[in-house]
Amino acid sequence: MPGILIRTTYADEAGLSSSLAALARAWYVLLVVSRRSTMHGMKEIIEEASALPVEERALVAESLLRTLNAPDAEIDRAWSAVAEHRLAELRAGRVVAVSGAQVLARVRERFAR
């Protein structure tokens, strides 16, 4: 993808951090994909995105997922309150931490029946 290489060079010359440059490249890919004519199908878009480095693929995936499930500040605040409550319970000793391995073992046991 020549366009990506050109943008990478500009980012490098501008002295952008690698994560900022990766974000810029990922947004560029999204821009290119969004402006494509209908002649390019989903398969070609996926092939192009798959050729990106893993960090950039993650940014593209996250950006696309956000278009399906837009962030909601109210929901984010509610989950934050739940997390803070659970942490407070853990720190106060009202609950005991359970390892991920134990949780998975319980789930497997429950669904094996």
N, C-alpha and C. Protein backbone atom coordinates (compact mmCIF):
# COMPACT_ATOMS: atom_id res chain seq x y z
N MET A 1 0.84 -1.17 0.00
CA MET A 1 0.00 0.00 0.00
C MET A 1 0.89 1.24 0.00
N PRO A 2 1.16 1.79 -1.15
CA PRO A 2 2.05 2.94 -1.24
C PRO A 2 1.60 4.12 -0.39
N GLY A 3 0.30 4.38 -0.33
CA GLY A 3 -0.19 5.50 0.46
C GLY A 3 0.20 5.39 1.92
N ILE A 4 0.17 4.18 2.45
CA ILE A 4 0.53 3.95 3.85
C ILE A 4 2.01 4.23 4.05
N LEU A 5 2.83 3.78 3.11
CA LEU A 5 4.27 4.00 3.24
C LEU A 5 4.59 5.48 3.22
N ILE A 6 3.91 6.23 2.38
CA ILE A 6 4.14 7.68 2.33
C ILE A 6 3.75 8.30 3.66
N ARG A 7 2.59 7.94 4.20
CA ARG A 7 2.15 8.50 5.48
C ARG A 7 3.11 8.10 6.60
N THR A 8 3.65 6.88 6.54
CA THR A 8 4.61 6.43 7.55
C THR A 8 5.85 7.31 7.51
N THR A 9 6.33 7.58 6.31
CA THR A 9 7.52 8.42 6.17
C THR A 9 7.26 9.81 6.73
N TYR A 10 6.11 10.39 6.44
CA TYR A 10 5.79 11.71 6.98
C TYR A 10 5.75 11.67 8.50
N ALA A 11 5.17 10.62 9.05
CA ALA A 11 5.08 10.51 10.50
C ALA A 11 6.47 10.39 11.11
N ASP A 12 7.33 9.60 10.47
CA ASP A 12 8.69 9.44 10.97
C ASP A 12 9.46 10.76 10.90
N GLU A 13 9.31 11.47 9.79
CA GLU A 13 9.99 12.76 9.63
C GLU A 13 9.49 13.78 10.63
N ALA A 14 8.22 13.71 10.95
CA ALA A 14 7.64 14.67 11.89
C ALA A 14 8.01 14.33 13.33
N GLY A 15 8.64 13.18 13.54
CA GLY A 15 9.05 12.79 14.88
C GLY A 15 7.92 12.32 15.77
N LEU A 16 6.84 11.80 15.18
CA LEU A 16 5.72 11.32 15.97
C LEU A 16 6.12 10.04 16.69
N SER A 17 5.54 9.82 17.85
CA SER A 17 5.80 8.57 18.57
C SER A 17 5.27 7.42 17.73
N SER A 18 5.77 6.22 17.97
CA SER A 18 5.35 5.08 17.16
C SER A 18 3.87 4.80 17.32
N SER A 19 3.31 4.96 18.54
CA SER A 19 1.89 4.70 18.70
C SER A 19 1.05 5.77 18.02
N LEU A 20 1.50 7.02 18.05
CA LEU A 20 0.77 8.09 17.37
C LEU A 20 0.86 7.89 15.85
N ALA A 21 2.03 7.49 15.38
CA ALA A 21 2.18 7.22 13.95
C ALA A 21 1.30 6.05 13.54
N ALA A 22 1.23 5.01 14.39
CA ALA A 22 0.38 3.86 14.09
C ALA A 22 -1.09 4.27 14.05
N LEU A 23 -1.49 5.12 14.98
CA LEU A 23 -2.86 5.61 15.00
C LEU A 23 -3.16 6.40 13.73
N ALA A 24 -2.23 7.23 13.31
CA ALA A 24 -2.41 8.02 12.09
C ALA A 24 -2.55 7.10 10.88
N ARG A 25 -1.71 6.05 10.82
CA ARG A 25 -1.79 5.12 9.70
C ARG A 25 -3.12 4.36 9.72
N ALA A 26 -3.57 3.96 10.91
CA ALA A 26 -4.84 3.23 11.01
C ALA A 26 -5.99 4.11 10.55
N TRP A 27 -5.99 5.37 10.96
CA TRP A 27 -7.05 6.27 10.53
C TRP A 27 -6.99 6.50 9.02
N TYR A 28 -5.77 6.54 8.49
CA TYR A 28 -5.62 6.70 7.04
C TYR A 28 -6.24 5.50 6.32
N VAL A 29 -6.00 4.30 6.83
CA VAL A 29 -6.57 3.10 6.22
C VAL A 29 -8.09 3.19 6.25
N LEU A 30 -8.65 3.60 7.40
CA LEU A 30 -10.10 3.75 7.48
C LEU A 30 -10.62 4.77 6.48
N LEU A 31 -9.88 5.86 6.32
CA LEU A 31 -10.28 6.89 5.37
C LEU A 31 -10.27 6.34 3.95
N VAL A 32 -9.20 5.62 3.60
CA VAL A 32 -9.09 5.04 2.27
C VAL A 32 -10.21 4.04 2.04
N VAL A 33 -10.46 3.20 3.04
CA VAL A 33 -11.51 2.19 2.92
C VAL A 33 -12.87 2.86 2.74
N SER A 34 -13.13 3.92 3.50
CA SER A 34 -14.43 4.57 3.42
C SER A 34 -14.66 5.28 2.09
N ARG A 35 -13.58 5.65 1.43
CA ARG A 35 -13.72 6.37 0.15
C ARG A 35 -13.67 5.44 -1.06
N ARG A 36 -13.46 4.17 -0.82
CA ARG A 36 -13.37 3.22 -1.93
C ARG A 36 -14.70 3.12 -2.65
N SER A 37 -14.61 2.87 -3.92
CA SER A 37 -15.84 2.64 -4.68
C SER A 37 -16.36 1.25 -4.35
N THR A 38 -17.56 0.98 -4.78
CA THR A 38 -18.15 -0.33 -4.50
C THR A 38 -17.48 -1.43 -5.30
N MET A 39 -16.55 -1.08 -6.18
CA MET A 39 -15.83 -2.09 -6.94
C MET A 39 -14.95 -2.93 -6.02
N HIS A 40 -14.52 -2.35 -4.92
CA HIS A 40 -13.70 -3.10 -3.97
C HIS A 40 -14.62 -3.75 -2.96
N GLY A 41 -14.50 -5.03 -2.86
CA GLY A 41 -15.37 -5.75 -1.94
C GLY A 41 -14.76 -5.90 -0.57
N MET A 42 -15.53 -6.51 0.28
CA MET A 42 -15.10 -6.73 1.66
C MET A 42 -13.82 -7.56 1.70
N LYS A 43 -13.68 -8.53 0.82
CA LYS A 43 -12.50 -9.40 0.83
C LYS A 43 -11.23 -8.58 0.63
N GLU A 44 -11.23 -7.65 -0.32
CA GLU A 44 -10.05 -6.83 -0.58
C GLU A 44 -9.72 -5.93 0.61
N ILE A 45 -10.76 -5.38 1.21
CA ILE A 45 -10.56 -4.51 2.37
C ILE A 45 -9.94 -5.31 3.52
N ILE A 46 -10.45 -6.50 3.75
CA ILE A 46 -9.92 -7.36 4.82
C ILE A 46 -8.48 -7.75 4.52
N GLU A 47 -8.19 -8.06 3.26
CA GLU A 47 -6.81 -8.41 2.89
C GLU A 47 -5.86 -7.25 3.16
N GLU A 48 -6.27 -6.04 2.80
CA GLU A 48 -5.42 -4.87 3.04
C GLU A 48 -5.21 -4.65 4.53
N ALA A 49 -6.28 -4.71 5.29
CA ALA A 49 -6.17 -4.50 6.73
C ALA A 49 -5.33 -5.60 7.38
N SER A 50 -5.43 -6.83 6.88
CA SER A 50 -4.67 -7.95 7.44
C SER A 50 -3.18 -7.79 7.21
N ALA A 51 -2.80 -7.03 6.22
CA ALA A 51 -1.38 -6.82 5.92
C ALA A 51 -0.73 -5.80 6.86
N LEU A 52 -1.52 -5.09 7.64
CA LEU A 52 -0.98 -4.09 8.56
C LEU A 52 -0.29 -4.77 9.74
N PRO A 53 0.65 -4.07 10.39
CA PRO A 53 1.24 -4.59 11.63
C PRO A 53 0.14 -4.76 12.69
N VAL A 54 0.39 -5.63 13.64
CA VAL A 54 -0.62 -6.01 14.62
C VAL A 54 -1.18 -4.80 15.38
N GLU A 55 -0.34 -3.86 15.76
CA GLU A 55 -0.82 -2.68 16.49
C GLU A 55 -1.82 -1.88 15.65
N GLU A 56 -1.52 -1.74 14.37
CA GLU A 56 -2.40 -0.99 13.49
C GLU A 56 -3.69 -1.76 13.22
N ARG A 57 -3.61 -3.09 13.09
CA ARG A 57 -4.83 -3.89 12.92
C ARG A 57 -5.74 -3.73 14.13
N ALA A 58 -5.15 -3.70 15.32
CA ALA A 58 -5.94 -3.52 16.53
C ALA A 58 -6.65 -2.16 16.52
N LEU A 59 -5.96 -1.13 16.08
CA LEU A 59 -6.57 0.20 16.01
C LEU A 59 -7.70 0.24 14.98
N VAL A 60 -7.49 -0.41 13.84
CA VAL A 60 -8.54 -0.46 12.82
C VAL A 60 -9.74 -1.22 13.37
N ALA A 61 -9.49 -2.37 14.00
CA ALA A 61 -10.59 -3.17 14.56
C ALA A 61 -11.36 -2.37 15.61
N GLU A 62 -10.64 -1.70 16.50
CA GLU A 62 -11.31 -0.91 17.54
C GLU A 62 -12.14 0.20 16.92
N SER A 63 -11.60 0.86 15.91
CA SER A 63 -12.33 1.94 15.25
C SER A 63 -13.60 1.43 14.58
N LEU A 64 -13.51 0.28 13.94
CA LEU A 64 -14.69 -0.29 13.29
C LEU A 64 -15.72 -0.73 14.32
N LEU A 65 -15.26 -1.34 15.42
CA LEU A 65 -16.19 -1.76 16.47
C LEU A 65 -16.92 -0.58 17.08
N ARG A 66 -16.23 0.55 17.21
CA ARG A 66 -16.88 1.74 17.76
C ARG A 66 -18.02 2.23 16.88
N THR A 67 -17.95 1.94 15.58
CA THR A 67 -19.05 2.34 14.70
C THR A 67 -20.27 1.46 14.92
N LEU A 68 -20.07 0.26 15.46
CA LEU A 68 -21.18 -0.65 15.73
C LEU A 68 -21.77 -0.42 17.11
N ASN A 69 -20.92 -0.05 18.04
CA ASN A 69 -21.32 0.07 19.43
C ASN A 69 -20.71 1.36 19.98
N ALA A 70 -21.34 2.46 19.67
CA ALA A 70 -20.80 3.77 20.05
C ALA A 70 -20.68 3.89 21.56
N PRO A 71 -19.61 4.55 22.02
CA PRO A 71 -19.44 4.76 23.46
C PRO A 71 -20.62 5.54 24.05
N ASP A 72 -20.97 5.21 25.26
CA ASP A 72 -22.06 5.87 25.96
C ASP A 72 -21.54 6.28 27.33
N ALA A 73 -21.41 7.57 27.57
CA ALA A 73 -20.83 8.07 28.82
C ALA A 73 -21.60 7.58 30.04
N GLU A 74 -22.91 7.47 29.93
CA GLU A 74 -23.72 7.01 31.06
C GLU A 74 -23.40 5.55 31.41
N ILE A 75 -23.27 4.72 30.40
CA ILE A 75 -22.92 3.31 30.63
C ILE A 75 -21.50 3.21 31.19
N ASP A 76 -20.57 4.00 30.65
CA ASP A 76 -19.20 4.00 31.15
C ASP A 76 -19.15 4.39 32.63
N ARG A 77 -19.93 5.41 33.01
CA ARG A 77 -19.98 5.84 34.42
C ARG A 77 -20.55 4.73 35.30
N ALA A 78 -21.58 4.05 34.81
CA ALA A 78 -22.19 2.96 35.59
C ALA A 78 -21.20 1.83 35.81
N TRP A 79 -20.47 1.43 34.76
CA TRP A 79 -19.48 0.36 34.91
C TRP A 79 -18.34 0.80 35.82
N SER A 80 -17.96 2.07 35.74
CA SER A 80 -16.91 2.59 36.61
C SER A 80 -17.34 2.51 38.07
N ALA A 81 -18.60 2.85 38.33
CA ALA A 81 -19.13 2.78 39.70
C ALA A 81 -19.12 1.33 40.20
N VAL A 82 -19.50 0.40 39.34
CA VAL A 82 -19.49 -1.02 39.72
C VAL A 82 -18.06 -1.45 40.05
N ALA A 83 -17.11 -1.08 39.20
CA ALA A 83 -15.72 -1.46 39.43
C ALA A 83 -15.18 -0.86 40.73
N GLU A 84 -15.49 0.41 40.98
CA GLU A 84 -15.04 1.05 42.22
C GLU A 84 -15.66 0.37 43.44
N HIS A 85 -16.93 0.01 43.37
CA HIS A 85 -17.61 -0.68 44.46
C HIS A 85 -16.96 -2.04 44.73
N ARG A 86 -16.69 -2.78 43.66
CA ARG A 86 -16.06 -4.10 43.82
C ARG A 86 -14.66 -3.99 44.40
N LEU A 87 -13.91 -2.98 43.97
CA LEU A 87 -12.56 -2.78 44.52
C LEU A 87 -12.63 -2.42 45.99
N ALA A 88 -13.57 -1.57 46.35
CA ALA A 88 -13.74 -1.19 47.77
C ALA A 88 -14.09 -2.41 48.61
N GLU A 89 -14.96 -3.27 48.10
CA GLU A 89 -15.32 -4.50 48.83
C GLU A 89 -14.10 -5.40 49.00
N LEU A 90 -13.30 -5.51 47.98
CA LEU A 90 -12.09 -6.34 48.03
C LEU A 90 -11.11 -5.78 49.05
N ARG A 91 -10.86 -4.48 49.00
CA ARG A 91 -9.91 -3.84 49.92
C ARG A 91 -10.39 -3.90 51.37
N ALA A 92 -11.71 -3.85 51.59
CA ALA A 92 -12.27 -3.90 52.94
C ALA A 92 -12.33 -5.33 53.49
N GLY A 93 -12.05 -6.30 52.62
CA GLY A 93 -12.08 -7.69 53.07
C GLY A 93 -13.46 -8.30 53.11
N ARG A 94 -14.44 -7.63 52.53
CA ARG A 94 -15.81 -8.17 52.51
C ARG A 94 -15.96 -9.28 51.48
N VAL A 95 -15.07 -9.33 50.51
CA VAL A 95 -15.06 -10.40 49.51
C VAL A 95 -13.64 -10.91 49.37
N VAL A 96 -13.52 -12.11 48.83
CA VAL A 96 -12.21 -12.72 48.63
C VAL A 96 -11.98 -12.86 47.12
N ALA A 97 -10.81 -12.51 46.68
CA ALA A 97 -10.48 -12.62 45.26
C ALA A 97 -10.42 -14.08 44.85
N VAL A 98 -10.88 -14.35 43.65
CA VAL A 98 -10.84 -15.69 43.08
C VAL A 98 -10.02 -15.60 41.80
N SER A 99 -9.08 -16.51 41.63
CA SER A 99 -8.23 -16.46 40.44
C SER A 99 -9.02 -16.80 39.18
N GLY A 100 -8.52 -16.34 38.07
CA GLY A 100 -9.16 -16.64 36.79
C GLY A 100 -9.22 -18.14 36.54
N ALA A 101 -8.17 -18.85 36.92
CA ALA A 101 -8.15 -20.30 36.74
C ALA A 101 -9.28 -20.97 37.53
N GLN A 102 -9.52 -20.49 38.75
CA GLN A 102 -10.60 -21.05 39.56
C GLN A 102 -11.97 -20.76 38.96
N VAL A 103 -12.14 -19.56 38.46
CA VAL A 103 -13.41 -19.19 37.83
C VAL A 103 -13.67 -20.08 36.61
N LEU A 104 -12.65 -20.24 35.77
CA LEU A 104 -12.83 -21.07 34.58
C LEU A 104 -13.11 -22.52 34.94
N ALA A 105 -12.45 -23.02 35.99
CA ALA A 105 -12.71 -24.39 36.44
C ALA A 105 -14.16 -24.55 36.88
N ARG A 106 -14.68 -23.57 37.60
CA ARG A 106 -16.08 -23.61 38.04
C ARG A 106 -17.05 -23.58 36.86
N VAL A 107 -16.74 -22.76 35.89
CA VAL A 107 -17.60 -22.66 34.70
C VAL A 107 -17.60 -23.98 33.96
N ARG A 108 -16.41 -24.54 33.76
CA ARG A 108 -16.32 -25.83 33.05
C ARG A 108 -17.08 -26.91 33.81
N GLU A 109 -16.95 -26.92 35.12
CA GLU A 109 -17.64 -27.92 35.94
C GLU A 109 -19.17 -27.76 35.82
N ARG A 110 -19.62 -26.52 35.88
CA ARG A 110 -21.06 -26.26 35.81
C ARG A 110 -21.65 -26.69 34.48
N PHE A 111 -20.94 -26.41 33.38
CA PHE A 111 -21.48 -26.71 32.06
C PHE A 111 -21.18 -28.13 31.59
N ALA A 112 -20.37 -28.86 32.33
CA ALA A 112 -20.06 -30.24 31.97
C ALA A 112 -21.20 -31.18 32.37
N ARG A 113 -22.04 -30.73 33.26
CA ARG A 113 -23.13 -31.59 33.76
C ARG A 113 -24.15 -31.90 32.73
